[in-house]
């Protein structure tokens, strides 16, 4: 039977080198590769993001931001420690840690290009 083995959201960024540096310094991601100066893969633990230097649809970005919509969801272990780490590195872009009625504790981070990333840990056994 067929299975899906990997997923990597692709985020369009204004400046690839600036975005790579931000993800490394602020969120502790590691660069896996950079291709011809316009495309890169970054990872941390079992999570991977692809970044592509290309124009964004500004109306879509505005809609997603105003609606509080997520661009990527990361399931994590140790959400409190991760939240504290991110706050120490990038406090102005890290939301509050909160209990959710669906059995999770999570927080969001907004990157330099306005993408909203949710880091969540299940609180149900």
C-alpha atoms as a PDB file:
ATOM      1  CA  UNK A   1       0.000   0.000   0.000  1.00  0.00           C
ATOM      2  CA  UNK A   2       1.272   3.488  -0.836  1.00  0.00           C
ATOM      3  CA  UNK A   3       2.274   5.814   1.984  1.00  0.00           C
ATOM      4  CA  UNK A   4       3.377   9.400   2.384  1.00  0.00           C
ATOM      5  CA  UNK A   5       6.809   9.536   3.952  1.00  0.00           C
ATOM      6  CA  UNK A   6       7.632  13.243   4.193  1.00  0.00           C
ATOM      7  CA  UNK A   7       6.144  16.706   3.868  1.00  0.00           C
ATOM      8  CA  UNK A   8       7.860  20.084   3.750  1.00  0.00           C
ATOM      9  CA  UNK A   9       5.786  23.250   3.483  1.00  0.00           C
ATOM     10  CA  UNK A  10       7.234  25.751   1.008  1.00  0.00           C
ATOM     11  CA  UNK A  11       7.164  29.366   2.170  1.00  0.00           C
ATOM     12  CA  UNK A  12       7.809  32.231  -0.241  1.00  0.00           C
ATOM     13  CA  UNK A  13      10.267  34.736   1.219  1.00  0.00           C
ATOM     14  CA  UNK A  14      11.506  38.185   0.220  1.00  0.00           C
ATOM     15  CA  UNK A  15      15.186  37.607   0.996  1.00  0.00           C
ATOM     16  CA  UNK A  16      16.437  34.031   1.220  1.00  0.00           C
ATOM     17  CA  UNK A  17      19.665  34.715   3.094  1.00  0.00           C
ATOM     18  CA  UNK A  18      17.913  36.931   5.657  1.00  0.00           C
ATOM     19  CA  UNK A  19      15.191  34.310   6.180  1.00  0.00           C
ATOM     20  CA  UNK A  20      17.711  31.486   6.541  1.00  0.00           C
ATOM     21  CA  UNK A  21      19.643  33.462   9.150  1.00  0.00           C
ATOM     22  CA  UNK A  22      16.426  34.242  11.044  1.00  0.00           C
ATOM     23  CA  UNK A  23      15.276  30.593  11.145  1.00  0.00           C
ATOM     24  CA  UNK A  24      18.727  29.478  12.279  1.00  0.00           C
ATOM     25  CA  UNK A  25      19.253  32.167  14.920  1.00  0.00           C
ATOM     26  CA  UNK A  26      15.720  32.629  16.207  1.00  0.00           C
ATOM     27  CA  UNK A  27      14.215  29.136  15.909  1.00  0.00           C
ATOM     28  CA  UNK A  28      17.285  26.910  15.947  1.00  0.00           C
ATOM     29  CA  UNK A  29      16.732  25.395  12.499  1.00  0.00           C
ATOM     30  CA  UNK A  30      19.685  24.043  10.520  1.00  0.00           C
ATOM     31  CA  UNK A  31      20.169  24.656   6.806  1.00  0.00           C
ATOM     32  CA  UNK A  32      20.139  21.384   4.874  1.00  0.00           C
ATOM     33  CA  UNK A  33      20.864  22.889   1.462  1.00  0.00           C
ATOM     34  CA  UNK A  34      20.690  26.083  -0.573  1.00  0.00           C
ATOM     35  CA  UNK A  35      20.065  25.794  -4.302  1.00  0.00           C
ATOM     36  CA  UNK A  36      21.268  28.555  -6.646  1.00  0.00           C
ATOM     37  CA  UNK A  37      20.562  31.277  -4.103  1.00  0.00           C
ATOM     38  CA  UNK A  38      16.758  31.128  -4.408  1.00  0.00           C
ATOM     39  CA  UNK A  39      15.729  27.876  -2.696  1.00  0.00           C
ATOM     40  CA  UNK A  40      16.630  26.255   0.613  1.00  0.00           C
ATOM     41  CA  UNK A  41      15.629  23.518   3.019  1.00  0.00           C
ATOM     42  CA  UNK A  42      15.884  23.952   6.773  1.00  0.00           C
ATOM     43  CA  UNK A  43      15.200  21.430   9.501  1.00  0.00           C
ATOM     44  CA  UNK A  44      14.962  20.988  13.210  1.00  0.00           C
ATOM     45  CA  UNK A  45      14.327  17.572  14.682  1.00  0.00           C
ATOM     46  CA  UNK A  46      11.901  15.788  12.380  1.00  0.00           C
ATOM     47  CA  UNK A  47      10.502  18.984  10.857  1.00  0.00           C
ATOM     48  CA  UNK A  48      11.537  20.504   7.536  1.00  0.00           C
ATOM     49  CA  UNK A  49      10.619  23.782   5.852  1.00  0.00           C
ATOM     50  CA  UNK A  50      11.464  24.807   2.313  1.00  0.00           C
ATOM     51  CA  UNK A  51      12.020  28.487   1.584  1.00  0.00           C
ATOM     52  CA  UNK A  52      11.812  29.975  -1.894  1.00  0.00           C
ATOM     53  CA  UNK A  53      12.748  33.531  -2.788  1.00  0.00           C
ATOM     54  CA  UNK A  54       9.730  34.626  -4.833  1.00  0.00           C
ATOM     55  CA  UNK A  55       6.965  37.233  -4.707  1.00  0.00           C
ATOM     56  CA  UNK A  56       4.129  36.483  -2.289  1.00  0.00           C
ATOM     57  CA  UNK A  57       0.455  37.133  -2.943  1.00  0.00           C
ATOM     58  CA  UNK A  58       0.005  40.097  -0.596  1.00  0.00           C
ATOM     59  CA  UNK A  59      -3.791  39.806  -0.511  1.00  0.00           C
ATOM     60  CA  UNK A  60      -3.465  36.167   0.577  1.00  0.00           C
ATOM     61  CA  UNK A  61      -0.887  37.078   3.247  1.00  0.00           C
ATOM     62  CA  UNK A  62      -3.180  39.830   4.564  1.00  0.00           C
ATOM     63  CA  UNK A  63      -6.199  37.482   4.597  1.00  0.00           C
ATOM     64  CA  UNK A  64      -4.259  34.782   6.460  1.00  0.00           C
ATOM     65  CA  UNK A  65      -2.834  37.262   8.970  1.00  0.00           C
ATOM     66  CA  UNK A  66      -6.140  39.010   9.689  1.00  0.00           C
ATOM     67  CA  UNK A  67      -7.902  35.662  10.110  1.00  0.00           C
ATOM     68  CA  UNK A  68      -5.219  34.196  12.364  1.00  0.00           C
ATOM     69  CA  UNK A  69      -4.743  31.322   9.916  1.00  0.00           C
ATOM     70  CA  UNK A  70      -1.711  29.057  10.250  1.00  0.00           C
ATOM     71  CA  UNK A  71       0.855  28.439   7.542  1.00  0.00           C
ATOM     72  CA  UNK A  72       2.539  25.462   9.218  1.00  0.00           C
ATOM     73  CA  UNK A  73       1.788  23.238  12.220  1.00  0.00           C
ATOM     74  CA  UNK A  74       4.524  21.470  14.185  1.00  0.00           C
ATOM     75  CA  UNK A  75       3.759  18.710  16.659  1.00  0.00           C
ATOM     76  CA  UNK A  76       6.367  18.913  19.411  1.00  0.00           C
ATOM     77  CA  UNK A  77       7.436  17.381  22.703  1.00  0.00           C
ATOM     78  CA  UNK A  78       8.480  19.759  25.466  1.00  0.00           C
ATOM     79  CA  UNK A  79       6.349  22.701  24.322  1.00  0.00           C
ATOM     80  CA  UNK A  80       7.070  24.694  27.497  1.00  0.00           C
ATOM     81  CA  UNK A  81      10.834  24.422  27.015  1.00  0.00           C
ATOM     82  CA  UNK A  82      10.538  25.238  23.319  1.00  0.00           C
ATOM     83  CA  UNK A  83       8.384  28.260  24.095  1.00  0.00           C
ATOM     84  CA  UNK A  84      10.922  29.507  26.648  1.00  0.00           C
ATOM     85  CA  UNK A  85      13.776  28.986  24.146  1.00  0.00           C
ATOM     86  CA  UNK A  86      11.971  30.897  21.389  1.00  0.00           C
ATOM     87  CA  UNK A  87      10.968  33.701  23.781  1.00  0.00           C
ATOM     88  CA  UNK A  88      14.590  34.112  24.774  1.00  0.00           C
ATOM     89  CA  UNK A  89      15.678  34.275  21.129  1.00  0.00           C
ATOM     90  CA  UNK A  90      12.797  36.201  19.533  1.00  0.00           C
ATOM     91  CA  UNK A  91      10.332  37.407  22.150  1.00  0.00           C
ATOM     92  CA  UNK A  92       8.554  39.956  19.961  1.00  0.00           C
ATOM     93  CA  UNK A  93       7.459  37.329  17.416  1.00  0.00           C
ATOM     94  CA  UNK A  94       6.416  34.538  19.824  1.00  0.00           C
ATOM     95  CA  UNK A  95       2.848  34.286  21.079  1.00  0.00           C
ATOM     96  CA  UNK A  96       1.728  33.156  24.513  1.00  0.00           C
ATOM     97  CA  UNK A  97       1.623  29.491  25.444  1.00  0.00           C
ATOM     98  CA  UNK A  98      -2.029  28.473  25.835  1.00  0.00           C
ATOM     99  CA  UNK A  99      -4.194  25.485  26.738  1.00  0.00           C
ATOM    100  CA  UNK A 100      -6.591  24.536  23.962  1.00  0.00           C
ATOM    101  CA  UNK A 101     -10.021  22.901  24.416  1.00  0.00           C
ATOM    102  CA  UNK A 102      -9.067  20.176  21.924  1.00  0.00           C
ATOM    103  CA  UNK A 103      -6.403  18.800  24.264  1.00  0.00           C
ATOM    104  CA  UNK A 104      -3.241  20.664  23.336  1.00  0.00           C
ATOM    105  CA  UNK A 105      -0.877  23.364  24.592  1.00  0.00           C
ATOM    106  CA  UNK A 106       0.551  25.533  21.871  1.00  0.00           C
ATOM    107  CA  UNK A 107       1.884  28.876  20.748  1.00  0.00           C
ATOM    108  CA  UNK A 108       2.491  30.617  17.462  1.00  0.00           C
ATOM    109  CA  UNK A 109       5.514  32.332  15.992  1.00  0.00           C
ATOM    110  CA  UNK A 110       5.365  34.847  13.163  1.00  0.00           C
ATOM    111  CA  UNK A 111       8.418  34.880  10.912  1.00  0.00           C
ATOM    112  CA  UNK A 112       9.909  37.846   9.044  1.00  0.00           C
ATOM    113  CA  UNK A 113       7.609  37.331   6.055  1.00  0.00           C
ATOM    114  CA  UNK A 114       4.465  37.140   8.198  1.00  0.00           C
ATOM    115  CA  UNK A 115       4.052  33.348   8.168  1.00  0.00           C
ATOM    116  CA  UNK A 116       2.352  31.961  11.271  1.00  0.00           C
ATOM    117  CA  UNK A 117       3.870  28.776  12.624  1.00  0.00           C
ATOM    118  CA  UNK A 118       2.109  26.820  15.399  1.00  0.00           C
ATOM    119  CA  UNK A 119       4.092  24.636  17.813  1.00  0.00           C
ATOM    120  CA  UNK A 120       1.770  22.280  19.668  1.00  0.00           C
ATOM    121  CA  UNK A 121       1.952  19.435  22.173  1.00  0.00           C
ATOM    122  CA  UNK A 122      -0.954  17.108  22.902  1.00  0.00           C
ATOM    123  CA  UNK A 123      -2.169  17.082  26.507  1.00  0.00           C
ATOM    124  CA  UNK A 124      -4.306  13.983  26.064  1.00  0.00           C
ATOM    125  CA  UNK A 125      -2.860  10.497  26.618  1.00  0.00           C
END
